[in-house]
Structure formats: C-alpha cells, structure tokens
C-alpha cells in the first residue's frame, strides 16, 4: 500500500452561484471527515448567507480579495494573506469586488453541509 496519495481528480462541487469549488481531500472526495482541502474561485459580486460552522476554517488568498463579516466586523484579505475562523463563529463570506478571488480553504473537521449551519438568505 502506498504511503501517499496524489490528487489529480478533485471533486467539483455543483454550485448555482458561479463559484468554483474543487475539493481535493475531504468528505466528498475520499471520505475523510477529519479535514477538507479545497481550491476555490469566487466570482466578482459573489456572496453567500451567514453561517455558524461547527468546524475551524482556514482561508489562504491566492489572487484577488475576499470579504469576511465576523460578529459585525468587516475584514478584507488580499493575496498572500490568510485567516483562521474558529468553529461556532457566525461569519459571512463574500467577494463584493470587481475581480474573482482565488483561494484555498481548509476545514477541520471536514466541510459538511450538516455542519455549516447556513442561515436563510
């Protein structure tokens, strides 16, 4: 048995908001519920509802900018910056800017719709 796995075929999560989500490791790709690692591209003008996830989420910005609203505080990250948002924190992710934002998201435990707790928009 190999002691490593190269991921050449990430799971592309179906979306209806124009956001590209490629899960490289996690629940959808390899059944790993401990961690998920995804490459994402949020188009200009994208946003999603507030949520209070039951997982820690780390975000690293590769290109563009991304906005986070955490407890009424607006935070904007740019390429080369990263953030950790602790589980059970109410947050809204968006890209209100004019160019797409490319980033990596890592969730521990792994992202799951059962754990994200999205609010109705």
C-alpha atoms as a PDB file:
ATOM      1  CA  UNK A   1       0.000   0.000   0.000  1.00  0.00           C
ATOM      2  CA  UNK A   2       1.297   3.445  -0.923  1.00  0.00           C
ATOM      3  CA  UNK A   3       2.114   5.866   1.854  1.00  0.00           C
ATOM      4  CA  UNK A   4       0.833   8.853  -0.141  1.00  0.00           C
ATOM      5  CA  UNK A   5      -1.981   9.911  -2.463  1.00  0.00           C
ATOM      6  CA  UNK A   6      -1.610  12.362  -5.307  1.00  0.00           C
ATOM      7  CA  UNK A   7      -4.922  14.027  -6.088  1.00  0.00           C
ATOM      8  CA  UNK A   8      -5.344  14.596  -9.829  1.00  0.00           C
ATOM      9  CA  UNK A   9      -9.132  14.468  -9.934  1.00  0.00           C
ATOM     10  CA  UNK A  10     -10.664  16.653  -7.221  1.00  0.00           C
ATOM     11  CA  UNK A  11     -14.427  16.525  -6.724  1.00  0.00           C
ATOM     12  CA  UNK A  12     -16.053  19.564  -8.349  1.00  0.00           C
ATOM     13  CA  UNK A  13     -18.903  20.575  -6.070  1.00  0.00           C
ATOM     14  CA  UNK A  14     -22.018  21.548  -8.031  1.00  0.00           C
ATOM     15  CA  UNK A  15     -22.967  25.185  -7.353  1.00  0.00           C
ATOM     16  CA  UNK A  16     -25.623  27.583  -8.600  1.00  0.00           C
ATOM     17  CA  UNK A  17     -23.821  30.838  -7.759  1.00  0.00           C
ATOM     18  CA  UNK A  18     -20.884  30.716 -10.190  1.00  0.00           C
ATOM     19  CA  UNK A  19     -18.365  29.721  -7.522  1.00  0.00           C
ATOM     20  CA  UNK A  20     -15.849  27.010  -8.419  1.00  0.00           C
ATOM     21  CA  UNK A  21     -15.193  24.529  -5.614  1.00  0.00           C
ATOM     22  CA  UNK A  22     -12.676  21.734  -6.191  1.00  0.00           C
ATOM     23  CA  UNK A  23     -12.386  19.520  -3.119  1.00  0.00           C
ATOM     24  CA  UNK A  24      -9.002  17.774  -3.177  1.00  0.00           C
ATOM     25  CA  UNK A  25      -9.438  15.900   0.088  1.00  0.00           C
ATOM     26  CA  UNK A  26     -12.489  15.601   2.331  1.00  0.00           C
ATOM     27  CA  UNK A  27     -15.905  14.014   2.701  1.00  0.00           C
ATOM     28  CA  UNK A  28     -16.898  14.215  -0.970  1.00  0.00           C
ATOM     29  CA  UNK A  29     -13.543  13.177  -2.444  1.00  0.00           C
ATOM     30  CA  UNK A  30     -12.069  10.452  -0.274  1.00  0.00           C
ATOM     31  CA  UNK A  31     -14.475  10.125   2.658  1.00  0.00           C
ATOM     32  CA  UNK A  32     -12.120  11.898   5.062  1.00  0.00           C
ATOM     33  CA  UNK A  33     -14.262  13.530   7.748  1.00  0.00           C
ATOM     34  CA  UNK A  34     -11.274  14.919   9.699  1.00  0.00           C
ATOM     35  CA  UNK A  35     -10.093  17.550   7.192  1.00  0.00           C
ATOM     36  CA  UNK A  36     -11.117  19.018   3.872  1.00  0.00           C
ATOM     37  CA  UNK A  37      -8.894  20.937   1.487  1.00  0.00           C
ATOM     38  CA  UNK A  38     -10.480  22.811  -1.404  1.00  0.00           C
ATOM     39  CA  UNK A  39      -9.372  25.157  -4.172  1.00  0.00           C
ATOM     40  CA  UNK A  40     -11.991  27.822  -4.820  1.00  0.00           C
ATOM     41  CA  UNK A  41     -12.674  30.715  -7.150  1.00  0.00           C
ATOM     42  CA  UNK A  42     -15.377  33.168  -6.065  1.00  0.00           C
ATOM     43  CA  UNK A  43     -16.536  35.369  -8.951  1.00  0.00           C
ATOM     44  CA  UNK A  44     -16.819  39.148  -8.628  1.00  0.00           C
ATOM     45  CA  UNK A  45     -20.036  40.067  -6.828  1.00  0.00           C
ATOM     46  CA  UNK A  46     -20.420  36.628  -5.171  1.00  0.00           C
ATOM     47  CA  UNK A  47     -21.784  36.193  -1.635  1.00  0.00           C
ATOM     48  CA  UNK A  48     -23.384  33.530   0.493  1.00  0.00           C
ATOM     49  CA  UNK A  49     -25.611  33.631   3.587  1.00  0.00           C
ATOM     50  CA  UNK A  50     -24.266  33.984   7.106  1.00  0.00           C
ATOM     51  CA  UNK A  51     -23.314  30.670   8.673  1.00  0.00           C
ATOM     52  CA  UNK A  52     -22.079  29.337  12.008  1.00  0.00           C
ATOM     53  CA  UNK A  53     -19.970  26.300  11.105  1.00  0.00           C
ATOM     54  CA  UNK A  54     -19.113  23.500  13.515  1.00  0.00           C
ATOM     55  CA  UNK A  55     -15.566  23.382  12.107  1.00  0.00           C
ATOM     56  CA  UNK A  56     -12.477  25.608  12.102  1.00  0.00           C
ATOM     57  CA  UNK A  57     -11.904  27.138   8.671  1.00  0.00           C
ATOM     58  CA  UNK A  58      -8.568  28.361   7.359  1.00  0.00           C
ATOM     59  CA  UNK A  59      -8.503  30.501   4.202  1.00  0.00           C
ATOM     60  CA  UNK A  60      -5.426  31.440   2.161  1.00  0.00           C
ATOM     61  CA  UNK A  61      -5.918  34.032  -0.595  1.00  0.00           C
ATOM     62  CA  UNK A  62      -4.028  33.301  -3.831  1.00  0.00           C
ATOM     63  CA  UNK A  63      -5.424  36.088  -6.077  1.00  0.00           C
ATOM     64  CA  UNK A  64      -7.887  38.933  -5.606  1.00  0.00           C
ATOM     65  CA  UNK A  65      -9.635  39.896  -2.369  1.00  0.00           C
ATOM     66  CA  UNK A  66     -12.261  38.277  -0.158  1.00  0.00           C
ATOM     67  CA  UNK A  67     -14.516  39.877   2.438  1.00  0.00           C
ATOM     68  CA  UNK A  68     -15.430  38.298   5.773  1.00  0.00           C
ATOM     69  CA  UNK A  69     -18.050  39.652   8.179  1.00  0.00           C
ATOM     70  CA  UNK A  70     -17.362  38.228  11.636  1.00  0.00           C
ATOM     71  CA  UNK A  71     -19.514  39.459  14.532  1.00  0.00           C
ATOM     72  CA  UNK A  72     -20.332  42.691  12.622  1.00  0.00           C
ATOM     73  CA  UNK A  73     -16.632  43.331  11.875  1.00  0.00           C
ATOM     74  CA  UNK A  74     -15.734  43.603   8.170  1.00  0.00           C
ATOM     75  CA  UNK A  75     -12.362  42.092   7.298  1.00  0.00           C
ATOM     76  CA  UNK A  76     -10.852  42.139   3.802  1.00  0.00           C
ATOM     77  CA  UNK A  77      -7.971  39.832   2.919  1.00  0.00           C
ATOM     78  CA  UNK A  78      -5.756  40.154  -0.145  1.00  0.00           C
ATOM     79  CA  UNK A  79      -3.410  37.791  -1.981  1.00  0.00           C
ATOM     80  CA  UNK A  80      -0.781  36.328   0.338  1.00  0.00           C
ATOM     81  CA  UNK A  81      -2.884  36.756   3.497  1.00  0.00           C
ATOM     82  CA  UNK A  82      -4.641  34.054   5.488  1.00  0.00           C
ATOM     83  CA  UNK A  83      -7.126  33.740   8.328  1.00  0.00           C
ATOM     84  CA  UNK A  84      -8.372  31.104  10.765  1.00  0.00           C
ATOM     85  CA  UNK A  85     -12.003  31.380  11.822  1.00  0.00           C
ATOM     86  CA  UNK A  86     -12.838  29.301  14.874  1.00  0.00           C
ATOM     87  CA  UNK A  87     -15.764  26.907  14.824  1.00  0.00           C
ATOM     88  CA  UNK A  88     -19.099  28.195  16.160  1.00  0.00           C
ATOM     89  CA  UNK A  89     -18.315  31.714  14.865  1.00  0.00           C
ATOM     90  CA  UNK A  90     -21.005  33.485  12.841  1.00  0.00           C
ATOM     91  CA  UNK A  91     -19.460  34.547   9.536  1.00  0.00           C
ATOM     92  CA  UNK A  92     -20.429  35.678   6.060  1.00  0.00           C
ATOM     93  CA  UNK A  93     -18.101  35.167   3.111  1.00  0.00           C
ATOM     94  CA  UNK A  94     -18.317  37.364   0.006  1.00  0.00           C
ATOM     95  CA  UNK A  95     -16.470  38.904  -2.904  1.00  0.00           C
ATOM     96  CA  UNK A  96     -18.047  42.344  -3.440  1.00  0.00           C
ATOM     97  CA  UNK A  97     -15.064  43.357  -5.566  1.00  0.00           C
ATOM     98  CA  UNK A  98     -14.659  43.624  -9.345  1.00  0.00           C
ATOM     99  CA  UNK A  99     -12.292  40.670  -9.900  1.00  0.00           C
ATOM    100  CA  UNK A 100     -12.528  36.989  -8.997  1.00  0.00           C
ATOM    101  CA  UNK A 101     -10.916  35.740  -5.790  1.00  0.00           C
ATOM    102  CA  UNK A 102      -8.916  32.519  -5.871  1.00  0.00           C
ATOM    103  CA  UNK A 103      -8.203  30.837  -2.558  1.00  0.00           C
ATOM    104  CA  UNK A 104      -7.609  27.629  -0.631  1.00  0.00           C
ATOM    105  CA  UNK A 105      -9.955  26.626   2.192  1.00  0.00           C
ATOM    106  CA  UNK A 106      -9.098  24.027   4.826  1.00  0.00           C
ATOM    107  CA  UNK A 107     -11.731  22.841   7.307  1.00  0.00           C
ATOM    108  CA  UNK A 108     -11.212  20.729  10.434  1.00  0.00           C
ATOM    109  CA  UNK A 109     -13.233  18.610  10.815  1.00  0.00           C
ATOM    110  CA  UNK A 110     -14.041  18.377   7.108  1.00  0.00           C
ATOM    111  CA  UNK A 111     -16.648  20.603   5.491  1.00  0.00           C
ATOM    112  CA  UNK A 112     -20.121  19.086   5.542  1.00  0.00           C
ATOM    113  CA  UNK A 113     -23.486  20.658   4.755  1.00  0.00           C
ATOM    114  CA  UNK A 114     -24.669  19.079   8.043  1.00  0.00           C
ATOM    115  CA  UNK A 115     -22.085  21.146   9.965  1.00  0.00           C
ATOM    116  CA  UNK A 116     -22.145  24.511   8.145  1.00  0.00           C
ATOM    117  CA  UNK A 117     -25.435  25.855   9.617  1.00  0.00           C
ATOM    118  CA  UNK A 118     -26.232  28.361   6.848  1.00  0.00           C
ATOM    119  CA  UNK A 119     -28.921  30.913   7.559  1.00  0.00           C
ATOM    120  CA  UNK A 120     -31.806  31.584   5.189  1.00  0.00           C
ATOM    121  CA  UNK A 121     -30.976  34.486   2.887  1.00  0.00           C
END
